[in-house]
């Protein structure tokens, strides 16, 4: 249990420690710490969302391709009566 807790919190701790230097720099520029934190977090969220955009596009292309081209194994074996 403790190992799972440690593994889950380690990336957050590393990110917080790394981004703290940006918040301190903004604090030295006389930007309040809360505002600096909001700016840094918004930048981080924007960077993460921009980095996932190509994966979202690739997934969409695969889904559209699968929907538009039926596979051979999806063809009916026999026709229904009345067709």
N, C-alpha and C. Protein backbone atom coordinates (compact mmCIF):
# COMPACT_ATOMS: atom_id res chain seq x y z
N UNK A 1 0.82 -1.19 0.00
CA UNK A 1 0.00 0.00 0.00
C UNK A 1 0.87 1.26 0.00
N UNK A 2 1.88 1.28 0.82
CA UNK A 2 2.75 2.45 0.89
C UNK A 2 3.51 2.63 -0.41
N UNK A 3 3.88 1.54 -1.06
CA UNK A 3 4.62 1.63 -2.32
C UNK A 3 3.75 2.27 -3.40
N UNK A 4 2.48 1.90 -3.49
CA UNK A 4 1.57 2.48 -4.47
C UNK A 4 1.39 3.97 -4.20
N UNK A 5 1.28 4.35 -2.94
CA UNK A 5 1.15 5.76 -2.57
C UNK A 5 2.38 6.54 -3.00
N UNK A 6 3.56 5.98 -2.77
CA UNK A 6 4.81 6.63 -3.13
C UNK A 6 4.92 6.80 -4.64
N UNK A 7 4.57 5.76 -5.39
CA UNK A 7 4.68 5.80 -6.85
C UNK A 7 3.72 6.85 -7.43
N UNK A 8 2.53 6.97 -6.85
CA UNK A 8 1.57 7.94 -7.34
C UNK A 8 1.97 9.38 -7.02
N UNK A 9 2.62 9.60 -5.90
CA UNK A 9 2.98 10.96 -5.50
C UNK A 9 4.32 11.42 -6.02
N UNK A 10 5.17 10.53 -6.44
CA UNK A 10 6.51 10.91 -6.90
C UNK A 10 6.47 11.84 -8.12
N UNK A 11 5.70 11.54 -9.18
CA UNK A 11 5.70 12.46 -10.33
C UNK A 11 5.19 13.85 -9.97
N UNK A 12 4.17 13.93 -9.13
CA UNK A 12 3.64 15.23 -8.71
C UNK A 12 4.65 16.02 -7.92
N UNK A 13 5.39 15.35 -7.06
CA UNK A 13 6.41 16.02 -6.26
C UNK A 13 7.53 16.54 -7.16
N UNK A 14 7.94 15.75 -8.11
CA UNK A 14 9.01 16.17 -9.02
C UNK A 14 8.57 17.37 -9.86
N UNK A 15 7.34 17.33 -10.37
CA UNK A 15 6.82 18.45 -11.17
C UNK A 15 6.71 19.71 -10.32
N UNK A 16 6.19 19.58 -9.10
CA UNK A 16 6.05 20.74 -8.21
C UNK A 16 7.41 21.34 -7.87
N UNK A 17 8.39 20.50 -7.59
CA UNK A 17 9.73 20.98 -7.26
C UNK A 17 10.36 21.68 -8.47
N UNK A 18 10.15 21.13 -9.66
CA UNK A 18 10.72 21.71 -10.88
C UNK A 18 10.08 23.05 -11.22
N UNK A 19 8.76 23.13 -11.13
CA UNK A 19 8.06 24.35 -11.51
C UNK A 19 8.14 25.44 -10.45
N UNK A 20 8.57 25.09 -9.24
CA UNK A 20 8.69 26.09 -8.18
C UNK A 20 9.67 27.18 -8.56
N UNK A 21 10.71 26.84 -9.29
CA UNK A 21 11.69 27.87 -9.68
C UNK A 21 11.05 28.92 -10.60
N UNK A 22 10.10 28.51 -11.45
CA UNK A 22 9.40 29.49 -12.28
C UNK A 22 8.52 30.40 -11.44
N UNK A 23 7.87 29.84 -10.45
CA UNK A 23 7.02 30.65 -9.57
C UNK A 23 7.88 31.63 -8.76
N UNK A 24 9.02 31.19 -8.29
CA UNK A 24 9.93 32.08 -7.56
C UNK A 24 10.43 33.20 -8.48
N UNK A 25 10.75 32.87 -9.71
CA UNK A 25 11.19 33.90 -10.67
C UNK A 25 10.09 34.94 -10.89
N UNK A 26 8.84 34.47 -11.07
CA UNK A 26 7.74 35.41 -11.25
C UNK A 26 7.51 36.23 -9.98
N UNK A 27 7.77 35.64 -8.82
CA UNK A 27 7.65 36.36 -7.55
C UNK A 27 8.71 37.47 -7.47
N UNK A 28 9.89 37.22 -8.00
CA UNK A 28 10.94 38.24 -8.02
C UNK A 28 10.60 39.38 -8.97
N UNK A 29 9.76 39.10 -9.96
CA UNK A 29 9.29 40.15 -10.88
C UNK A 29 8.08 40.90 -10.30
N UNK A 30 7.82 40.70 -9.02
CA UNK A 30 6.72 41.32 -8.28
C UNK A 30 5.34 40.87 -8.75
N UNK A 31 5.26 39.66 -9.25
CA UNK A 31 3.97 39.03 -9.56
C UNK A 31 3.62 38.21 -8.33
N UNK A 32 2.43 38.39 -7.76
CA UNK A 32 2.07 37.63 -6.56
C UNK A 32 2.20 36.12 -6.77
N UNK A 33 2.55 35.43 -5.70
CA UNK A 33 2.83 33.99 -5.79
C UNK A 33 1.62 33.20 -6.30
N UNK A 34 0.42 33.56 -5.87
CA UNK A 34 -0.77 32.85 -6.32
C UNK A 34 -0.97 33.07 -7.82
N UNK A 35 -0.79 34.30 -8.27
CA UNK A 35 -0.93 34.60 -9.70
C UNK A 35 0.15 33.89 -10.50
N UNK A 36 1.36 33.88 -9.99
CA UNK A 36 2.44 33.17 -10.67
C UNK A 36 2.17 31.67 -10.77
N UNK A 37 1.61 31.11 -9.71
CA UNK A 37 1.25 29.69 -9.73
C UNK A 37 0.18 29.41 -10.77
N UNK A 38 -0.82 30.29 -10.86
CA UNK A 38 -1.88 30.12 -11.86
C UNK A 38 -1.30 30.21 -13.27
N UNK A 39 -0.39 31.15 -13.49
CA UNK A 39 0.24 31.30 -14.81
C UNK A 39 1.04 30.05 -15.18
N UNK A 40 1.82 29.54 -14.24
CA UNK A 40 2.65 28.36 -14.50
C UNK A 40 1.77 27.13 -14.74
N UNK A 41 0.72 26.95 -13.94
CA UNK A 41 -0.16 25.80 -14.12
C UNK A 41 -0.93 25.88 -15.44
N UNK A 42 -1.35 27.08 -15.82
CA UNK A 42 -2.05 27.24 -17.10
C UNK A 42 -1.10 26.92 -18.26
N UNK A 43 0.15 27.35 -18.14
CA UNK A 43 1.13 27.02 -19.17
C UNK A 43 1.41 25.53 -19.25
N UNK A 44 1.47 24.88 -18.09
CA UNK A 44 1.69 23.43 -18.06
C UNK A 44 0.51 22.69 -18.68
N UNK A 45 -0.70 23.11 -18.34
CA UNK A 45 -1.88 22.45 -18.92
C UNK A 45 -1.95 22.68 -20.42
N UNK A 46 -1.59 23.87 -20.88
CA UNK A 46 -1.57 24.14 -22.32
C UNK A 46 -0.54 23.29 -23.04
N UNK A 47 0.63 23.14 -22.43
CA UNK A 47 1.68 22.34 -23.06
C UNK A 47 1.27 20.88 -23.13
N UNK A 48 0.64 20.37 -22.09
CA UNK A 48 0.21 18.96 -22.08
C UNK A 48 -0.89 18.74 -23.10
N UNK A 49 -1.83 19.67 -23.18
CA UNK A 49 -2.93 19.49 -24.15
C UNK A 49 -2.42 19.61 -25.58
N UNK A 50 -1.44 20.48 -25.82
CA UNK A 50 -0.86 20.58 -27.17
C UNK A 50 -0.08 19.32 -27.54
N UNK A 51 0.54 18.69 -26.55
CA UNK A 51 1.33 17.49 -26.85
C UNK A 51 0.45 16.28 -27.13
N UNK A 52 -0.79 16.30 -26.66
CA UNK A 52 -1.68 15.17 -26.90
C UNK A 52 -2.51 15.34 -28.17
N UNK A 53 -2.48 16.51 -28.79
CA UNK A 53 -3.29 16.76 -29.99
C UNK A 53 -2.94 15.81 -31.14
N UNK A 54 -1.66 15.54 -31.45
CA UNK A 54 -1.37 14.60 -32.53
C UNK A 54 -1.91 13.19 -32.27
N UNK A 55 -1.87 12.75 -31.02
CA UNK A 55 -2.40 11.42 -30.70
C UNK A 55 -3.92 11.40 -30.88
N UNK A 56 -4.59 12.49 -30.52
CA UNK A 56 -6.03 12.55 -30.70
C UNK A 56 -6.38 12.52 -32.18
N UNK A 57 -5.62 13.21 -32.99
CA UNK A 57 -5.87 13.23 -34.43
C UNK A 57 -5.64 11.85 -35.03
N UNK A 58 -4.57 11.18 -34.64
CA UNK A 58 -4.28 9.85 -35.17
C UNK A 58 -5.37 8.86 -34.78
N UNK A 59 -5.86 8.96 -33.56
CA UNK A 59 -6.95 8.09 -33.12
C UNK A 59 -8.20 8.34 -33.94
N UNK A 60 -8.50 9.60 -34.19
CA UNK A 60 -9.68 9.95 -34.98
C UNK A 60 -9.57 9.39 -36.40
N UNK A 61 -8.39 9.48 -37.01
CA UNK A 61 -8.19 8.97 -38.36
C UNK A 61 -8.40 7.47 -38.41
N UNK A 62 -7.89 6.75 -37.41
CA UNK A 62 -8.06 5.30 -37.38
C UNK A 62 -9.53 4.94 -37.21
N UNK A 63 -10.24 5.63 -36.34
CA UNK A 63 -11.65 5.34 -36.12
C UNK A 63 -12.46 5.60 -37.39
N UNK A 64 -12.19 6.70 -38.07
CA UNK A 64 -12.92 7.02 -39.30
C UNK A 64 -12.62 5.97 -40.37
N UNK A 65 -11.36 5.55 -40.46
CA UNK A 65 -10.98 4.55 -41.46
C UNK A 65 -11.68 3.22 -41.17
N UNK A 66 -11.74 2.81 -39.93
CA UNK A 66 -12.38 1.56 -39.57
C UNK A 66 -13.88 1.64 -39.84
N UNK A 67 -14.50 2.77 -39.54
CA UNK A 67 -15.93 2.93 -39.77
C UNK A 67 -16.29 2.97 -41.25
N UNK A 68 -15.40 3.49 -42.10
CA UNK A 68 -15.74 3.65 -43.51
C UNK A 68 -15.40 2.41 -44.35
N UNK A 69 -14.56 1.52 -43.86
CA UNK A 69 -14.17 0.32 -44.61
C UNK A 69 -14.54 -0.92 -43.83
N UNK A 70 -15.66 -1.55 -44.14
CA UNK A 70 -16.01 -2.77 -43.40
C UNK A 70 -15.03 -3.90 -43.69
N UNK A 71 -14.70 -4.64 -42.70
CA UNK A 71 -13.75 -5.74 -42.84
C UNK A 71 -14.43 -6.94 -43.49
N UNK A 72 -13.61 -7.84 -44.03
CA UNK A 72 -14.14 -9.03 -44.69
C UNK A 72 -14.90 -9.92 -43.71
N UNK A 73 -14.44 -10.00 -42.49
CA UNK A 73 -15.09 -10.87 -41.52
C UNK A 73 -16.43 -10.31 -41.05
N UNK A 74 -16.77 -9.10 -41.46
CA UNK A 74 -18.05 -8.51 -41.07
C UNK A 74 -19.13 -8.72 -42.14
N UNK A 75 -18.78 -9.35 -43.24
CA UNK A 75 -19.75 -9.58 -44.31
C UNK A 75 -20.69 -10.71 -43.92
N UNK A 76 -21.98 -10.61 -44.27
CA UNK A 76 -22.91 -11.69 -43.93
C UNK A 76 -22.55 -12.97 -44.67
N UNK A 77 -22.75 -14.10 -44.00
CA UNK A 77 -22.46 -15.41 -44.58
C UNK A 77 -23.52 -15.78 -45.60
N UNK A 78 -24.76 -15.54 -45.27
CA UNK A 78 -25.86 -15.88 -46.17
C UNK A 78 -26.86 -14.74 -46.17
N UNK A 79 -27.61 -14.65 -47.24
CA UNK A 79 -28.64 -13.61 -47.32
C UNK A 79 -29.87 -14.06 -46.55
N UNK A 80 -30.52 -13.08 -45.98
CA UNK A 80 -31.76 -13.37 -45.27
C UNK A 80 -32.88 -13.59 -46.26
N UNK A 81 -33.89 -14.37 -45.88
CA UNK A 81 -35.03 -14.58 -46.77
C UNK A 81 -35.71 -13.23 -47.08
N UNK A 82 -36.04 -13.05 -48.32
CA UNK A 82 -36.71 -11.82 -48.74
C UNK A 82 -35.75 -10.76 -49.27
N UNK A 83 -34.47 -11.05 -49.30
CA UNK A 83 -33.52 -10.05 -49.82
C UNK A 83 -33.27 -10.27 -51.29
